[in-house]
Amino acid sequence: QLDAVAGDGDFGFSLRSGFEVVLADYDTFDRSSIGAILKKIGFVISSKVGGVSGPIWGTAFLRAAATAGDRTELTGGDVVEILRAAITGIKERGKSDVGDKTLLDALVPAVDALEAALNRGDSSSAAVQEAADTAVKAAENTLGMLAKRGRAAYTGERSRDSVDAGATAVGVILQAVAAAWRDS
């Protein structure tokens, strides 16, 4: 629904479809390392998510995979490093940055919040929840911003009338991750 305001309305459906394939095929993925898992997710998302979102989100997972490499366990610092690599990939692939009204407007502050919480010594559960809450708030703050990238940029001033769908998706995903982390 958010994408229909300033885009073509397929973002949520397309992203969900891609992640449904990831979930359906997950048991067949090479799980010898975290990098292997992330790489396979990146390939699936790139091929199954339509529009520009597939390459953008796919690139994020592929860059994360390259940074994770052969690791089989991650520290909080490793997770931050991996997420920063994903952010760099998104910026390069999308020729975008924070302030362009994209998923970066939620993802970058969320990763900053995660890193700050971990550096303070917060529990991993509290740190992930803080990152998720930061992402939701940052996504809400895209209301009023002018879209400079993606299909929403074609709507000009009208793009100010809604929050960014990609930024909102980051908040939704991180809230689900935080809940799963807390429950585990």
C-alpha atoms as a PDB file:
ATOM      1  CA  GLN A   1       0.000   0.000   0.000  1.00  0.00           C
ATOM      2  CA  LEU A   2       2.836   2.418   0.800  1.00  0.00           C
ATOM      3  CA  ASP A   3       4.492   1.705  -2.536  1.00  0.00           C
ATOM      4  CA  ALA A   4       1.236   2.446  -4.376  1.00  0.00           C
ATOM      5  CA  VAL A   5       1.330   6.039  -3.113  1.00  0.00           C
ATOM      6  CA  ALA A   6       4.639   6.893  -4.786  1.00  0.00           C
ATOM      7  CA  GLY A   7       5.486   3.780  -6.793  1.00  0.00           C
ATOM      8  CA  ASP A   8       3.773   1.007  -8.692  1.00  0.00           C
ATOM      9  CA  GLY A   9       2.446  -0.852  -5.645  1.00  0.00           C
ATOM     10  CA  ASP A  10       4.388  -4.089  -6.072  1.00  0.00           C
ATOM     11  CA  PHE A  11       7.141  -3.654  -3.482  1.00  0.00           C
ATOM     12  CA  GLY A  12       5.561  -5.446  -0.520  1.00  0.00           C
ATOM     13  CA  PHE A  13       4.218  -8.302  -2.618  1.00  0.00           C
ATOM     14  CA  SER A  14       7.494  -8.683  -4.453  1.00  0.00           C
ATOM     15  CA  LEU A  15       9.654  -8.652  -1.315  1.00  0.00           C
ATOM     16  CA  ARG A  16       7.331 -11.087   0.455  1.00  0.00           C
ATOM     17  CA  SER A  17       7.404 -13.417  -2.551  1.00  0.00           C
ATOM     18  CA  GLY A  18      11.204 -13.436  -2.551  1.00  0.00           C
ATOM     19  CA  PHE A  19      11.474 -14.188   1.138  1.00  0.00           C
ATOM     20  CA  GLU A  20       8.813 -16.907   0.834  1.00  0.00           C
ATOM     21  CA  VAL A  21      11.103 -18.668  -1.660  1.00  0.00           C
ATOM     22  CA  VAL A  22      13.998 -18.243   0.773  1.00  0.00           C
ATOM     23  CA  LEU A  23      11.933 -19.861   3.541  1.00  0.00           C
ATOM     24  CA  ALA A  24      10.606 -22.642   1.300  1.00  0.00           C
ATOM     25  CA  ASP A  25      14.072 -23.556   0.007  1.00  0.00           C
ATOM     26  CA  TYR A  26      16.089 -22.828   3.160  1.00  0.00           C
ATOM     27  CA  ASP A  27      16.618 -26.475   4.079  1.00  0.00           C
ATOM     28  CA  THR A  28      18.397 -27.025   0.753  1.00  0.00           C
ATOM     29  CA  PHE A  29      20.879 -24.144   1.248  1.00  0.00           C
ATOM     30  CA  ASP A  30      24.563 -24.747   1.877  1.00  0.00           C
ATOM     31  CA  ARG A  31      24.860 -23.974   5.590  1.00  0.00           C
ATOM     32  CA  SER A  32      28.563 -24.660   5.950  1.00  0.00           C
ATOM     33  CA  SER A  33      29.119 -20.992   6.833  1.00  0.00           C
ATOM     34  CA  ILE A  34      27.213 -17.813   7.457  1.00  0.00           C
ATOM     35  CA  GLY A  35      28.614 -16.400   4.230  1.00  0.00           C
ATOM     36  CA  ALA A  36      27.270 -19.388   2.272  1.00  0.00           C
ATOM     37  CA  ILE A  37      23.779 -18.902   3.678  1.00  0.00           C
ATOM     38  CA  LEU A  38      23.775 -15.155   3.014  1.00  0.00           C
ATOM     39  CA  LYS A  39      25.105 -15.690  -0.516  1.00  0.00           C
ATOM     40  CA  LYS A  40      22.282 -18.082  -1.376  1.00  0.00           C
ATOM     41  CA  ILE A  41      19.722 -15.670   0.087  1.00  0.00           C
ATOM     42  CA  GLY A  42      21.245 -12.907  -2.027  1.00  0.00           C
ATOM     43  CA  PHE A  43      20.906 -14.978  -5.199  1.00  0.00           C
ATOM     44  CA  VAL A  44      17.302 -15.907  -4.412  1.00  0.00           C
ATOM     45  CA  ILE A  45      16.304 -12.333  -3.601  1.00  0.00           C
ATOM     46  CA  SER A  46      18.054 -10.993  -6.708  1.00  0.00           C
ATOM     47  CA  SER A  47      16.192 -13.419  -8.936  1.00  0.00           C
ATOM     48  CA  LYS A  48      12.787 -13.535  -7.243  1.00  0.00           C
ATOM     49  CA  VAL A  49      12.149  -9.937  -6.137  1.00  0.00           C
ATOM     50  CA  GLY A  50      10.985  -7.724  -8.970  1.00  0.00           C
ATOM     51  CA  GLY A  51      11.924  -4.224  -9.980  1.00  0.00           C
ATOM     52  CA  VAL A  52      14.944  -2.459  -8.584  1.00  0.00           C
ATOM     53  CA  SER A  53      14.347  -3.987  -5.149  1.00  0.00           C
ATOM     54  CA  GLY A  54      15.681  -7.405  -6.153  1.00  0.00           C
ATOM     55  CA  PRO A  55      19.110  -6.139  -7.189  1.00  0.00           C
ATOM     56  CA  ILE A  56      19.305  -3.704  -4.246  1.00  0.00           C
ATOM     57  CA  TRP A  57      18.329  -6.202  -1.535  1.00  0.00           C
ATOM     58  CA  GLY A  58      20.229  -8.986  -3.297  1.00  0.00           C
ATOM     59  CA  THR A  59      23.375  -6.861  -3.365  1.00  0.00           C
ATOM     60  CA  ALA A  60      22.980  -6.211   0.358  1.00  0.00           C
ATOM     61  CA  PHE A  61      22.936  -9.953   1.079  1.00  0.00           C
ATOM     62  CA  LEU A  62      25.812 -10.670  -1.306  1.00  0.00           C
ATOM     63  CA  ARG A  63      28.011  -7.993   0.275  1.00  0.00           C
ATOM     64  CA  ALA A  64      27.070  -9.306   3.711  1.00  0.00           C
ATOM     65  CA  ALA A  65      28.001 -12.810   2.524  1.00  0.00           C
ATOM     66  CA  ALA A  66      31.401 -11.696   1.290  1.00  0.00           C
ATOM     67  CA  THR A  67      32.124 -10.027   4.624  1.00  0.00           C
ATOM     68  CA  ALA A  68      30.848 -12.974   6.678  1.00  0.00           C
ATOM     69  CA  GLY A  69      32.983 -15.349   4.647  1.00  0.00           C
ATOM     70  CA  ASP A  70      33.608 -18.741   6.194  1.00  0.00           C
ATOM     71  CA  ARG A  71      32.629 -17.745   9.731  1.00  0.00           C
ATOM     72  CA  THR A  72      30.306 -20.128  11.497  1.00  0.00           C
ATOM     73  CA  GLU A  73      29.701 -17.914  14.527  1.00  0.00           C
ATOM     74  CA  LEU A  74      29.352 -14.151  14.840  1.00  0.00           C
ATOM     75  CA  THR A  75      30.067 -11.623  17.542  1.00  0.00           C
ATOM     76  CA  GLY A  76      28.062  -8.439  17.813  1.00  0.00           C
ATOM     77  CA  GLY A  77      30.941  -6.598  16.172  1.00  0.00           C
ATOM     78  CA  ASP A  78      30.884  -9.090  13.291  1.00  0.00           C
ATOM     79  CA  VAL A  79      27.173  -8.446  12.759  1.00  0.00           C
ATOM     80  CA  VAL A  80      27.759  -4.692  12.640  1.00  0.00           C
ATOM     81  CA  GLU A  81      30.613  -5.188  10.156  1.00  0.00           C
ATOM     82  CA  ILE A  82      28.415  -7.389   7.963  1.00  0.00           C
ATOM     83  CA  LEU A  83      25.551  -4.910   8.056  1.00  0.00           C
ATOM     84  CA  ARG A  84      27.897  -2.035   7.177  1.00  0.00           C
ATOM     85  CA  ALA A  85      29.077  -4.041   4.147  1.00  0.00           C
ATOM     86  CA  ALA A  86      25.445  -4.522   3.114  1.00  0.00           C
ATOM     87  CA  ILE A  87      24.867  -0.771   3.469  1.00  0.00           C
ATOM     88  CA  THR A  88      27.889  -0.016   1.296  1.00  0.00           C
ATOM     89  CA  GLY A  89      26.565  -2.381  -1.354  1.00  0.00           C
ATOM     90  CA  ILE A  90      23.141  -0.718  -1.303  1.00  0.00           C
ATOM     91  CA  LYS A  91      24.695   2.737  -1.583  1.00  0.00           C
ATOM     92  CA  GLU A  92      26.882   1.722  -4.507  1.00  0.00           C
ATOM     93  CA  ARG A  93      24.235  -0.296  -6.362  1.00  0.00           C
ATOM     94  CA  GLY A  94      21.482   2.275  -5.861  1.00  0.00           C
ATOM     95  CA  LYS A  95      23.714   5.337  -6.126  1.00  0.00           C
ATOM     96  CA  SER A  96      21.963   6.527  -2.999  1.00  0.00           C
ATOM     97  CA  ASP A  97      22.635   7.614   0.546  1.00  0.00           C
ATOM     98  CA  VAL A  98      20.867   8.571   3.742  1.00  0.00           C
ATOM     99  CA  GLY A  99      18.495  11.440   2.980  1.00  0.00           C
ATOM    100  CA  ASP A 100      17.440  10.137  -0.436  1.00  0.00           C
ATOM    101  CA  LYS A 101      14.273   8.579   1.051  1.00  0.00           C
ATOM    102  CA  THR A 102      15.208   4.928   0.684  1.00  0.00           C
ATOM    103  CA  LEU A 103      15.672   1.917   2.927  1.00  0.00           C
ATOM    104  CA  LEU A 104      19.010   3.455   3.919  1.00  0.00           C
ATOM    105  CA  ASP A 105      17.136   6.073   5.942  1.00  0.00           C
ATOM    106  CA  ALA A 106      16.082   3.303   8.340  1.00  0.00           C
ATOM    107  CA  LEU A 107      18.919   0.795   7.944  1.00  0.00           C
ATOM    108  CA  VAL A 108      21.832   3.132   8.650  1.00  0.00           C
ATOM    109  CA  PRO A 109      20.381   4.568  11.892  1.00  0.00           C
ATOM    110  CA  ALA A 110      19.377   1.056  12.977  1.00  0.00           C
ATOM    111  CA  VAL A 111      22.909  -0.257  12.519  1.00  0.00           C
ATOM    112  CA  ASP A 112      24.296   2.809  14.289  1.00  0.00           C
ATOM    113  CA  ALA A 113      21.913   2.130  17.199  1.00  0.00           C
ATOM    114  CA  LEU A 114      22.879  -1.553  17.264  1.00  0.00           C
ATOM    115  CA  GLU A 115      26.570  -0.696  17.385  1.00  0.00           C
ATOM    116  CA  ALA A 116      26.065   1.913  20.121  1.00  0.00           C
ATOM    117  CA  ALA A 117      24.011  -0.486  22.236  1.00  0.00           C
ATOM    118  CA  LEU A 118      26.566  -3.262  21.875  1.00  0.00           C
ATOM    119  CA  ASN A 119      29.395  -0.849  22.721  1.00  0.00           C
ATOM    120  CA  ARG A 120      27.516   0.152  25.895  1.00  0.00           C
ATOM    121  CA  GLY A 121      27.388  -3.497  26.874  1.00  0.00           C
ATOM    122  CA  ASP A 122      23.635  -3.931  26.387  1.00  0.00           C
ATOM    123  CA  SER A 123      22.448  -7.508  26.018  1.00  0.00           C
ATOM    124  CA  SER A 124      22.204  -8.733  22.453  1.00  0.00           C
ATOM    125  CA  SER A 125      18.418  -8.897  22.781  1.00  0.00           C
ATOM    126  CA  ALA A 126      18.196  -5.302  24.004  1.00  0.00           C
ATOM    127  CA  ALA A 127      20.607  -4.124  21.296  1.00  0.00           C
ATOM    128  CA  VAL A 128      18.608  -5.775  18.517  1.00  0.00           C
ATOM    129  CA  GLN A 129      15.372  -4.322  19.917  1.00  0.00           C
ATOM    130  CA  GLU A 130      16.930  -0.858  20.039  1.00  0.00           C
ATOM    131  CA  ALA A 131      18.008  -1.218  16.409  1.00  0.00           C
ATOM    132  CA  ALA A 132      14.491  -2.309  15.442  1.00  0.00           C
ATOM    133  CA  ASP A 133      12.845   0.566  17.318  1.00  0.00           C
ATOM    134  CA  THR A 134      15.288   3.004  15.732  1.00  0.00           C
ATOM    135  CA  ALA A 135      14.459   1.660  12.272  1.00  0.00           C
ATOM    136  CA  VAL A 136      10.725   2.094  12.824  1.00  0.00           C
ATOM    137  CA  LYS A 137      11.168   5.672  14.035  1.00  0.00           C
ATOM    138  CA  ALA A 138      13.580   6.485  11.196  1.00  0.00           C
ATOM    139  CA  ALA A 139      11.121   5.071   8.649  1.00  0.00           C
ATOM    140  CA  GLU A 140       8.376   7.267  10.101  1.00  0.00           C
ATOM    141  CA  ASN A 141      10.733  10.225   9.710  1.00  0.00           C
ATOM    142  CA  THR A 142      10.817   9.704   5.928  1.00  0.00           C
ATOM    143  CA  LEU A 143       7.357  11.306   5.820  1.00  0.00           C
ATOM    144  CA  GLY A 144       7.921  14.750   4.351  1.00  0.00           C
ATOM    145  CA  MET A 145      11.192  13.831   2.684  1.00  0.00           C
ATOM    146  CA  LEU A 146      11.614  14.250  -1.055  1.00  0.00           C
ATOM    147  CA  ALA A 147      12.409  10.944  -2.772  1.00  0.00           C
ATOM    148  CA  LYS A 148      15.620  11.229  -4.772  1.00  0.00           C
ATOM    149  CA  ARG A 149      15.982   7.598  -5.897  1.00  0.00           C
ATOM    150  CA  GLY A 150      13.761   4.810  -7.130  1.00  0.00           C
ATOM    151  CA  ARG A 151      10.336   4.966  -8.701  1.00  0.00           C
ATOM    152  CA  ALA A 152       9.095   7.310  -5.961  1.00  0.00           C
ATOM    153  CA  ALA A 153      11.526   9.975  -7.220  1.00  0.00           C
ATOM    154  CA  TYR A 154       9.430  10.242 -10.395  1.00  0.00           C
ATOM    155  CA  THR A 155       6.514  11.586  -8.358  1.00  0.00           C
ATOM    156  CA  GLY A 156       8.445  14.689  -7.291  1.00  0.00           C
ATOM    157  CA  GLU A 157       6.849  16.717  -4.510  1.00  0.00           C
ATOM    158  CA  ARG A 158       4.058  14.152  -4.126  1.00  0.00           C
ATOM    159  CA  SER A 159       6.663  11.761  -2.671  1.00  0.00           C
ATOM    160  CA  ARG A 160       6.658  13.877   0.493  1.00  0.00           C
ATOM    161  CA  ASP A 161       3.129  12.685   1.318  1.00  0.00           C
ATOM    162  CA  SER A 162       4.062   9.194   2.507  1.00  0.00           C
ATOM    163  CA  VAL A 163       6.743   7.271   4.338  1.00  0.00           C
ATOM    164  CA  ASP A 164       9.232   5.270   2.293  1.00  0.00           C
ATOM    165  CA  ALA A 165       8.157   1.680   1.696  1.00  0.00           C
ATOM    166  CA  GLY A 166      11.721   0.297   1.806  1.00  0.00           C
ATOM    167  CA  ALA A 167      12.514   2.082   5.052  1.00  0.00           C
ATOM    168  CA  THR A 168       9.259   0.798   6.514  1.00  0.00           C
ATOM    169  CA  ALA A 169      10.156  -2.744   5.412  1.00  0.00           C
ATOM    170  CA  VAL A 170      13.472  -2.476   7.265  1.00  0.00           C
ATOM    171  CA  GLY A 171      11.559  -1.551  10.430  1.00  0.00           C
ATOM    172  CA  VAL A 172       9.093  -4.415  10.009  1.00  0.00           C
ATOM    173  CA  ILE A 173      11.859  -6.939   9.341  1.00  0.00           C
ATOM    174  CA  LEU A 174      13.991  -5.784  12.269  1.00  0.00           C
ATOM    175  CA  GLN A 175      10.989  -5.890  14.630  1.00  0.00           C
ATOM    176  CA  ALA A 176      10.424  -9.507  13.572  1.00  0.00           C
ATOM    177  CA  VAL A 177      14.128 -10.287  14.082  1.00  0.00           C
ATOM    178  CA  ALA A 178      14.037  -8.650  17.524  1.00  0.00           C
ATOM    179  CA  ALA A 179      10.980 -10.671  18.547  1.00  0.00           C
ATOM    180  CA  ALA A 180      12.520 -13.931  17.307  1.00  0.00           C
ATOM    181  CA  TRP A 181      15.818 -13.140  19.037  1.00  0.00           C
ATOM    182  CA  ARG A 182      14.030 -12.329  22.295  1.00  0.00           C
ATOM    183  CA  ASP A 183      11.935 -15.508  22.073  1.00  0.00           C
ATOM    184  CA  SER A 184      14.953 -17.699  21.402  1.00  0.00           C
END
